[in-house]
């Protein structure tokens, strides 16, 4: 073994020095990129490296293996008005009393309150209020809030 060690020790030392030298060059290059040139690379990455994509997951039904609905997501609407600002009182009263089959006096009493947030109807399904949502832009002051809710079916 001594014979081979003396024969190849010079080559092994040269190889070790070469590996250490290449490692040093690699570490210096990484240091240069990370510390010295970081500002220029930050600009490049911020311009070309990031892309913001907003993706909203599909919401709907959760089914079991027999396609029986276990849970589903529904939208509920809350209709409200800021009575301290101008609003079309008669149009709102007529629309809501016709749509929900309630007397006008209920909505007149609600609209007589002076507040920034007066709720007319709460937690209404889309099927019950799609007529109001379609006409919302034509009626001054009418606002709505949409809320998604998960309903469990048993």
N, C-alpha and C. Protein backbone atom coordinates (compact mmCIF):
# COMPACT_ATOMS: atom_id res chain seq x y z
N UNK A 1 0.81 -1.17 0.00
CA UNK A 1 0.00 0.00 0.00
C UNK A 1 0.87 1.25 0.00
N UNK A 2 1.95 1.18 0.65
CA UNK A 2 2.84 2.32 0.71
C UNK A 2 3.34 2.68 -0.68
N UNK A 3 3.56 1.67 -1.49
CA UNK A 3 4.06 1.88 -2.84
C UNK A 3 3.05 2.69 -3.67
N UNK A 4 1.75 2.32 -3.58
CA UNK A 4 0.72 3.03 -4.34
C UNK A 4 0.47 4.42 -3.78
N UNK A 5 0.59 4.55 -2.47
CA UNK A 5 0.38 5.85 -1.85
C UNK A 5 1.41 6.86 -2.34
N UNK A 6 2.67 6.45 -2.37
CA UNK A 6 3.72 7.36 -2.83
C UNK A 6 3.55 7.65 -4.32
N UNK A 7 3.07 6.69 -5.06
CA UNK A 7 2.93 6.84 -6.50
C UNK A 7 1.80 7.82 -6.85
N UNK A 8 0.69 7.74 -6.12
CA UNK A 8 -0.48 8.55 -6.47
C UNK A 8 -0.73 9.72 -5.52
N UNK A 9 0.08 9.91 -4.50
CA UNK A 9 -0.17 10.98 -3.54
C UNK A 9 -0.10 12.35 -4.20
N UNK A 10 0.78 12.52 -5.12
CA UNK A 10 0.90 13.81 -5.81
C UNK A 10 -0.38 14.07 -6.62
N UNK A 11 -0.88 13.06 -7.32
CA UNK A 11 -2.11 13.22 -8.10
C UNK A 11 -3.32 13.49 -7.20
N UNK A 12 -3.37 12.79 -6.08
CA UNK A 12 -4.48 13.00 -5.14
C UNK A 12 -4.42 14.41 -4.56
N UNK A 13 -3.26 14.88 -4.23
CA UNK A 13 -3.11 16.25 -3.70
C UNK A 13 -3.52 17.27 -4.75
N UNK A 14 -3.13 17.06 -6.00
CA UNK A 14 -3.51 17.99 -7.07
C UNK A 14 -5.03 18.00 -7.26
N UNK A 15 -5.64 16.81 -7.22
CA UNK A 15 -7.09 16.71 -7.35
C UNK A 15 -7.79 17.41 -6.18
N UNK A 16 -7.30 17.22 -4.97
CA UNK A 16 -7.89 17.86 -3.78
C UNK A 16 -7.77 19.37 -3.88
N UNK A 17 -6.61 19.86 -4.29
CA UNK A 17 -6.42 21.30 -4.43
C UNK A 17 -7.36 21.85 -5.51
N UNK A 18 -7.52 21.11 -6.59
CA UNK A 18 -8.44 21.54 -7.66
C UNK A 18 -9.88 21.62 -7.17
N UNK A 19 -10.31 20.62 -6.41
CA UNK A 19 -11.68 20.63 -5.87
C UNK A 19 -11.87 21.79 -4.90
N UNK A 20 -10.91 22.03 -4.04
CA UNK A 20 -10.99 23.16 -3.11
C UNK A 20 -11.02 24.48 -3.87
N UNK A 21 -10.23 24.59 -4.91
CA UNK A 21 -10.16 25.82 -5.70
C UNK A 21 -11.51 26.07 -6.41
N UNK A 22 -12.10 25.03 -7.01
CA UNK A 22 -13.39 25.18 -7.68
C UNK A 22 -14.50 25.50 -6.66
N UNK A 23 -14.42 24.90 -5.48
CA UNK A 23 -15.40 25.20 -4.43
C UNK A 23 -15.29 26.65 -3.99
N UNK A 24 -14.06 27.15 -3.86
CA UNK A 24 -13.83 28.54 -3.49
C UNK A 24 -14.39 29.48 -4.56
N UNK A 25 -14.16 29.16 -5.82
CA UNK A 25 -14.69 29.99 -6.91
C UNK A 25 -16.22 29.99 -6.87
N UNK A 26 -16.83 28.83 -6.65
CA UNK A 26 -18.28 28.73 -6.58
C UNK A 26 -18.84 29.54 -5.41
N UNK A 27 -18.21 29.45 -4.26
CA UNK A 27 -18.66 30.21 -3.08
C UNK A 27 -18.52 31.71 -3.32
N UNK A 28 -17.42 32.13 -3.93
CA UNK A 28 -17.23 33.55 -4.23
C UNK A 28 -18.27 34.05 -5.23
N UNK A 29 -18.61 33.24 -6.22
CA UNK A 29 -19.62 33.62 -7.20
C UNK A 29 -20.99 33.76 -6.54
N UNK A 30 -21.33 32.82 -5.68
CA UNK A 30 -22.60 32.91 -4.95
C UNK A 30 -22.62 34.14 -4.05
N UNK A 31 -21.51 34.42 -3.37
CA UNK A 31 -21.40 35.61 -2.53
C UNK A 31 -21.60 36.87 -3.38
N UNK A 32 -20.98 36.89 -4.55
CA UNK A 32 -21.10 38.04 -5.44
C UNK A 32 -22.56 38.27 -5.85
N UNK A 33 -23.25 37.20 -6.20
CA UNK A 33 -24.65 37.33 -6.63
C UNK A 33 -25.55 37.71 -5.45
N UNK A 34 -25.36 37.05 -4.31
CA UNK A 34 -26.25 37.24 -3.17
C UNK A 34 -26.04 38.57 -2.45
N UNK A 35 -24.82 39.00 -2.31
CA UNK A 35 -24.51 40.17 -1.49
C UNK A 35 -24.21 41.41 -2.33
N UNK A 36 -23.32 41.29 -3.26
CA UNK A 36 -22.84 42.47 -3.99
C UNK A 36 -23.85 42.92 -5.05
N UNK A 37 -24.37 42.00 -5.85
CA UNK A 37 -25.25 42.37 -6.95
C UNK A 37 -26.73 42.17 -6.64
N UNK A 38 -27.10 42.13 -5.39
CA UNK A 38 -28.48 41.79 -5.05
C UNK A 38 -29.48 42.84 -5.53
N UNK A 39 -29.12 44.13 -5.53
CA UNK A 39 -30.06 45.16 -5.94
C UNK A 39 -30.43 45.05 -7.41
N UNK A 40 -29.43 44.80 -8.25
CA UNK A 40 -29.73 44.67 -9.68
C UNK A 40 -30.56 43.42 -9.96
N UNK A 41 -30.29 42.34 -9.25
CA UNK A 41 -31.07 41.13 -9.46
C UNK A 41 -32.48 41.25 -8.89
N UNK A 42 -32.65 42.06 -7.83
CA UNK A 42 -33.98 42.29 -7.29
C UNK A 42 -34.87 42.97 -8.31
N UNK A 43 -34.32 43.97 -9.02
CA UNK A 43 -35.08 44.67 -10.05
C UNK A 43 -35.49 43.72 -11.17
N UNK A 44 -34.57 42.89 -11.60
CA UNK A 44 -34.86 41.94 -12.68
C UNK A 44 -35.96 40.96 -12.26
N UNK A 45 -35.83 40.44 -11.05
CA UNK A 45 -36.81 39.46 -10.58
C UNK A 45 -38.17 40.11 -10.36
N UNK A 46 -38.20 41.32 -9.82
CA UNK A 46 -39.48 41.97 -9.57
C UNK A 46 -40.18 42.33 -10.88
N UNK A 47 -39.42 42.62 -11.93
CA UNK A 47 -40.04 42.94 -13.23
C UNK A 47 -40.47 41.69 -13.98
N UNK A 48 -39.67 40.65 -13.95
CA UNK A 48 -39.93 39.48 -14.78
C UNK A 48 -40.22 38.22 -13.99
N UNK A 49 -39.87 38.19 -12.74
CA UNK A 49 -39.94 36.94 -12.00
C UNK A 49 -41.26 36.66 -11.33
N UNK A 50 -42.07 37.69 -11.07
CA UNK A 50 -43.31 37.47 -10.35
C UNK A 50 -44.50 37.80 -11.24
N UNK A 51 -45.51 37.01 -11.12
CA UNK A 51 -46.75 37.27 -11.82
C UNK A 51 -47.88 36.91 -10.85
N UNK A 52 -48.71 37.86 -10.54
CA UNK A 52 -49.79 37.64 -9.60
C UNK A 52 -51.03 37.18 -10.36
N UNK A 53 -51.53 36.04 -9.97
CA UNK A 53 -52.74 35.49 -10.57
C UNK A 53 -53.72 35.19 -9.44
N UNK A 54 -54.87 35.82 -9.51
CA UNK A 54 -55.91 35.54 -8.52
C UNK A 54 -56.81 34.45 -9.07
N UNK A 55 -56.84 33.35 -8.38
CA UNK A 55 -57.70 32.24 -8.78
C UNK A 55 -58.61 31.90 -7.61
N UNK A 56 -59.85 31.87 -7.92
CA UNK A 56 -60.82 31.52 -6.90
C UNK A 56 -61.31 30.10 -7.17
N UNK A 57 -61.27 29.30 -6.16
CA UNK A 57 -61.66 27.91 -6.31
C UNK A 57 -63.15 27.78 -6.61
N UNK A 58 -63.45 26.74 -7.32
CA UNK A 58 -64.85 26.46 -7.61
C UNK A 58 -65.54 26.03 -6.32
N UNK A 59 -66.66 26.64 -6.09
CA UNK A 59 -67.40 26.32 -4.89
C UNK A 59 -68.68 25.63 -5.31
N UNK A 60 -69.08 24.70 -4.56
CA UNK A 60 -70.29 24.01 -4.94
C UNK A 60 -70.60 22.88 -4.01
N UNK A 61 -70.84 21.75 -4.60
CA UNK A 61 -71.32 20.61 -3.83
C UNK A 61 -70.20 19.64 -3.50
N UNK A 62 -70.31 19.03 -2.34
CA UNK A 62 -69.43 17.93 -1.95
C UNK A 62 -70.31 16.70 -1.89
N UNK A 63 -69.92 15.68 -2.66
CA UNK A 63 -70.73 14.48 -2.77
C UNK A 63 -69.98 13.28 -2.24
N UNK A 64 -70.74 12.26 -1.84
CA UNK A 64 -70.11 11.01 -1.43
C UNK A 64 -69.97 10.10 -2.64
N UNK A 65 -69.56 8.87 -2.43
CA UNK A 65 -69.29 7.97 -3.55
C UNK A 65 -70.56 7.58 -4.30
N UNK A 66 -71.71 7.75 -3.70
CA UNK A 66 -72.99 7.44 -4.35
C UNK A 66 -73.63 8.68 -4.97
N UNK A 67 -72.87 9.77 -5.07
CA UNK A 67 -73.33 11.06 -5.60
C UNK A 67 -74.47 11.68 -4.78
N UNK A 68 -74.52 11.35 -3.52
CA UNK A 68 -75.46 12.00 -2.61
C UNK A 68 -74.79 13.26 -2.08
N UNK A 69 -75.48 14.38 -2.16
CA UNK A 69 -74.91 15.66 -1.75
C UNK A 69 -74.76 15.69 -0.24
N UNK A 70 -73.52 15.91 0.22
CA UNK A 70 -73.24 16.02 1.65
C UNK A 70 -73.24 17.47 2.10
N UNK A 71 -72.71 18.33 1.25
CA UNK A 71 -72.58 19.73 1.59
C UNK A 71 -72.61 20.55 0.31
N UNK A 72 -73.19 21.74 0.39
CA UNK A 72 -73.17 22.63 -0.76
C UNK A 72 -73.04 24.07 -0.29
N UNK A 73 -72.48 24.89 -1.17
CA UNK A 73 -72.28 26.30 -0.87
C UNK A 73 -73.36 27.10 -1.57
N UNK A 74 -74.03 27.94 -0.81
CA UNK A 74 -75.08 28.78 -1.37
C UNK A 74 -74.75 30.23 -1.07
N UNK A 75 -75.31 31.12 -1.89
CA UNK A 75 -75.12 32.55 -1.69
C UNK A 75 -76.37 33.12 -1.04
N UNK A 76 -76.14 33.94 -0.03
CA UNK A 76 -77.24 34.63 0.64
C UNK A 76 -76.98 36.13 0.55
N UNK A 77 -78.05 36.89 0.43
CA UNK A 77 -77.96 38.32 0.21
C UNK A 77 -78.63 39.07 1.35
N UNK A 78 -78.00 40.19 1.72
CA UNK A 78 -78.57 41.10 2.69
C UNK A 78 -78.75 42.44 2.00
N UNK A 79 -79.96 42.97 1.98
CA UNK A 79 -80.25 44.25 1.33
C UNK A 79 -80.31 45.33 2.40
N UNK A 80 -79.61 46.44 2.12
CA UNK A 80 -79.53 47.51 3.10
C UNK A 80 -79.50 48.87 2.40
N UNK A 81 -79.71 49.91 3.21
CA UNK A 81 -79.74 51.28 2.70
C UNK A 81 -79.10 52.20 3.73
N UNK A 82 -78.40 53.22 3.25
CA UNK A 82 -77.91 54.29 4.10
C UNK A 82 -78.98 55.38 4.05
N UNK A 83 -79.78 55.48 5.10
CA UNK A 83 -80.90 56.42 5.09
C UNK A 83 -80.47 57.86 5.35
N UNK A 84 -79.21 58.08 5.64
CA UNK A 84 -78.71 59.44 5.81
C UNK A 84 -78.37 60.08 4.47
N UNK A 85 -78.31 59.27 3.41
CA UNK A 85 -78.08 59.77 2.05
C UNK A 85 -79.40 59.70 1.28
N UNK A 86 -79.40 60.28 0.09
CA UNK A 86 -80.59 60.26 -0.74
C UNK A 86 -80.87 58.86 -1.26
N UNK A 87 -82.14 58.47 -1.25
CA UNK A 87 -82.54 57.17 -1.79
C UNK A 87 -83.98 57.26 -2.27
N UNK A 88 -84.35 56.37 -3.17
CA UNK A 88 -85.68 56.35 -3.77
C UNK A 88 -86.60 55.49 -2.89
N UNK A 89 -87.24 56.15 -1.96
CA UNK A 89 -88.01 55.45 -0.92
C UNK A 89 -89.19 54.68 -1.50
N UNK A 90 -89.98 55.32 -2.35
CA UNK A 90 -91.19 54.67 -2.88
C UNK A 90 -90.86 53.48 -3.77
N UNK A 91 -89.83 53.60 -4.60
CA UNK A 91 -89.45 52.50 -5.49
C UNK A 91 -88.97 51.30 -4.67
N UNK A 92 -88.22 51.57 -3.61
CA UNK A 92 -87.72 50.48 -2.76
C UNK A 92 -88.87 49.80 -2.03
N UNK A 93 -89.79 50.59 -1.49
CA UNK A 93 -90.94 50.02 -0.78
C UNK A 93 -91.78 49.15 -1.71
N UNK A 94 -92.07 49.66 -2.91
CA UNK A 94 -92.89 48.90 -3.86
C UNK A 94 -92.19 47.61 -4.29
N UNK A 95 -90.91 47.71 -4.58
CA UNK A 95 -90.16 46.54 -5.04
C UNK A 95 -90.11 45.44 -3.98
N UNK A 96 -89.80 45.82 -2.75
CA UNK A 96 -89.68 44.82 -1.68
C UNK A 96 -91.04 44.26 -1.26
N UNK A 97 -92.06 45.10 -1.20
CA UNK A 97 -93.37 44.58 -0.80
C UNK A 97 -93.94 43.66 -1.87
N UNK A 98 -93.69 43.95 -3.15
CA UNK A 98 -94.16 43.06 -4.22
C UNK A 98 -93.37 41.75 -4.24
N UNK A 99 -92.07 41.85 -4.04
CA UNK A 99 -91.22 40.67 -4.15
C UNK A 99 -91.40 39.71 -2.97
N UNK A 100 -91.56 40.24 -1.76
CA UNK A 100 -91.63 39.39 -0.57
C UNK A 100 -93.05 39.26 -0.02
N UNK A 101 -94.04 39.83 -0.71
CA UNK A 101 -95.45 39.74 -0.31
C UNK A 101 -95.67 40.19 1.13
N UNK A 102 -95.11 41.34 1.46
CA UNK A 102 -95.30 41.94 2.78
C UNK A 102 -95.96 43.30 2.59
N UNK A 103 -96.66 43.80 3.60
CA UNK A 103 -97.30 45.11 3.46
C UNK A 103 -96.28 46.26 3.39
N UNK A 104 -96.70 47.34 2.73
CA UNK A 104 -95.83 48.52 2.58
C UNK A 104 -95.44 49.12 3.93
N UNK A 105 -96.32 49.01 4.90
CA UNK A 105 -96.08 49.66 6.20
C UNK A 105 -94.82 49.12 6.89
N UNK A 106 -94.51 47.85 6.68
CA UNK A 106 -93.30 47.28 7.30
C UNK A 106 -92.05 47.98 6.78
N UNK A 107 -91.99 48.16 5.47
CA UNK A 107 -90.80 48.79 4.88
C UNK A 107 -90.76 50.29 5.14
N UNK A 108 -91.94 50.94 5.23
CA UNK A 108 -91.96 52.37 5.58
C UNK A 108 -91.39 52.58 6.99
N UNK A 109 -91.78 51.71 7.89
CA UNK A 109 -91.29 51.80 9.27
C UNK A 109 -89.77 51.60 9.32
N UNK A 110 -89.27 50.64 8.55
CA UNK A 110 -87.83 50.38 8.52
C UNK A 110 -87.08 51.57 7.93
N UNK A 111 -87.62 52.15 6.85
CA UNK A 111 -86.93 53.25 6.16
C UNK A 111 -87.03 54.58 6.91
N UNK A 112 -87.88 54.69 7.91
CA UNK A 112 -87.96 55.91 8.71
C UNK A 112 -86.78 56.05 9.67
N UNK A 113 -86.07 54.97 9.92
CA UNK A 113 -84.89 55.04 10.79
C UNK A 113 -83.77 55.78 10.07
N UNK A 114 -83.03 56.61 10.79
CA UNK A 114 -81.90 57.33 10.23
C UNK A 114 -80.61 56.67 10.70
N UNK A 115 -79.96 55.99 9.77
CA UNK A 115 -78.73 55.27 10.11
C UNK A 115 -77.92 55.05 8.84
N UNK A 116 -76.64 54.76 9.02
CA UNK A 116 -75.78 54.47 7.87
C UNK A 116 -76.02 53.07 7.32
N UNK A 117 -76.64 52.21 8.10
CA UNK A 117 -76.84 50.82 7.69
C UNK A 117 -78.18 50.33 8.21
N UNK A 118 -79.20 50.41 7.36
CA UNK A 118 -80.53 49.94 7.72
C UNK A 118 -80.82 48.71 6.88
N UNK A 119 -81.03 47.58 7.53
CA UNK A 119 -81.25 46.31 6.84
C UNK A 119 -82.73 46.18 6.49
N UNK A 120 -83.00 45.94 5.20
CA UNK A 120 -84.37 45.69 4.75
C UNK A 120 -84.72 44.21 4.83
N UNK A 121 -83.88 43.37 4.25
CA UNK A 121 -84.06 41.92 4.30
C UNK A 121 -82.69 41.29 4.47
N UNK A 122 -82.66 40.16 5.17
CA UNK A 122 -81.39 39.53 5.51
C UNK A 122 -81.44 38.04 5.16
N UNK A 123 -80.28 37.51 4.72
CA UNK A 123 -80.12 36.08 4.41
C UNK A 123 -81.17 35.57 3.41
N UNK A 124 -81.27 36.26 2.29
CA UNK A 124 -82.22 35.89 1.24
C UNK A 124 -81.48 35.12 0.16
N UNK A 125 -82.05 34.00 -0.28
CA UNK A 125 -81.46 33.21 -1.35
C UNK A 125 -81.60 33.93 -2.69
N UNK A 126 -80.69 33.60 -3.62
CA UNK A 126 -80.71 34.25 -4.93
C UNK A 126 -82.03 34.01 -5.66
N UNK A 127 -82.57 32.83 -5.53
CA UNK A 127 -83.82 32.53 -6.22
C UNK A 127 -84.97 33.42 -5.74
N UNK A 128 -84.89 33.88 -4.50
CA UNK A 128 -85.94 34.73 -3.95
C UNK A 128 -85.73 36.21 -4.25
N UNK A 129 -84.51 36.59 -4.62
CA UNK A 129 -84.23 38.02 -4.78
C UNK A 129 -83.58 38.38 -6.12
N UNK A 130 -83.60 37.50 -7.10
CA UNK A 130 -82.94 37.82 -8.37
C UNK A 130 -83.60 38.99 -9.07
N UNK A 131 -84.90 39.21 -8.89
CA UNK A 131 -85.59 40.35 -9.47
C UNK A 131 -85.06 41.67 -8.87
N UNK A 132 -84.79 41.67 -7.59
CA UNK A 132 -84.27 42.87 -6.92
C UNK A 132 -82.84 43.15 -7.38
N UNK A 133 -82.03 42.11 -7.49
CA UNK A 133 -80.63 42.28 -7.90
C UNK A 133 -80.56 42.84 -9.32
N UNK A 134 -81.45 42.38 -10.19
CA UNK A 134 -81.46 42.89 -11.57
C UNK A 134 -81.83 44.37 -11.63
N UNK A 135 -82.71 44.81 -10.74
CA UNK A 135 -83.18 46.21 -10.76
C UNK A 135 -82.41 47.11 -9.80
N UNK A 136 -81.40 46.58 -9.12
CA UNK A 136 -80.65 47.33 -8.10
C UNK A 136 -80.01 48.60 -8.65
N UNK A 137 -79.46 48.54 -9.86
CA UNK A 137 -78.77 49.71 -10.42
C UNK A 137 -79.73 50.83 -10.80
N UNK A 138 -80.99 50.51 -11.01
CA UNK A 138 -81.97 51.53 -11.38
C UNK A 138 -82.56 52.24 -10.16
N UNK A 139 -82.37 51.68 -8.99
CA UNK A 139 -82.95 52.24 -7.77
C UNK A 139 -81.85 52.90 -6.95
N UNK A 140 -82.03 54.18 -6.70
CA UNK A 140 -81.00 54.95 -6.01
C UNK A 140 -80.96 54.59 -4.52
N UNK A 141 -79.74 54.28 -4.03
CA UNK A 141 -79.52 54.06 -2.61
C UNK A 141 -79.58 52.62 -2.15
N UNK A 142 -80.11 51.73 -2.97
CA UNK A 142 -80.24 50.33 -2.58
C UNK A 142 -78.89 49.62 -2.71
N UNK A 143 -78.49 48.93 -1.65
CA UNK A 143 -77.22 48.20 -1.62
C UNK A 143 -77.49 46.77 -1.18
N UNK A 144 -76.56 45.89 -1.55
CA UNK A 144 -76.67 44.52 -1.04
C UNK A 144 -75.29 43.96 -0.77
N UNK A 145 -75.26 43.00 0.14
CA UNK A 145 -74.04 42.30 0.51
C UNK A 145 -74.27 40.82 0.24
N UNK A 146 -73.30 40.20 -0.46
CA UNK A 146 -73.40 38.78 -0.80
C UNK A 146 -72.52 37.99 0.14
N UNK A 147 -73.08 36.91 0.69
CA UNK A 147 -72.34 36.08 1.63
C UNK A 147 -72.49 34.63 1.21
N UNK A 148 -71.37 33.91 1.17
CA UNK A 148 -71.40 32.49 0.84
C UNK A 148 -71.50 31.69 2.14
N UNK A 149 -72.33 30.67 2.11
CA UNK A 149 -72.56 29.87 3.30
C UNK A 149 -72.60 28.40 2.90
N UNK A 150 -71.96 27.57 3.70
CA UNK A 150 -71.96 26.13 3.46
C UNK A 150 -73.10 25.50 4.24
N UNK A 151 -73.90 24.72 3.53
CA UNK A 151 -75.05 24.06 4.13
C UNK A 151 -74.81 22.56 4.09
N UNK A 152 -74.94 21.91 5.24
CA UNK A 152 -74.76 20.47 5.32
C UNK A 152 -76.09 19.76 5.09
N UNK A 153 -76.06 18.74 4.26
CA UNK A 153 -77.26 17.93 4.00
C UNK A 153 -77.11 16.61 4.71
N UNK A 154 -78.09 16.24 5.48
CA UNK A 154 -78.01 14.96 6.20
C UNK A 154 -79.19 14.10 5.82
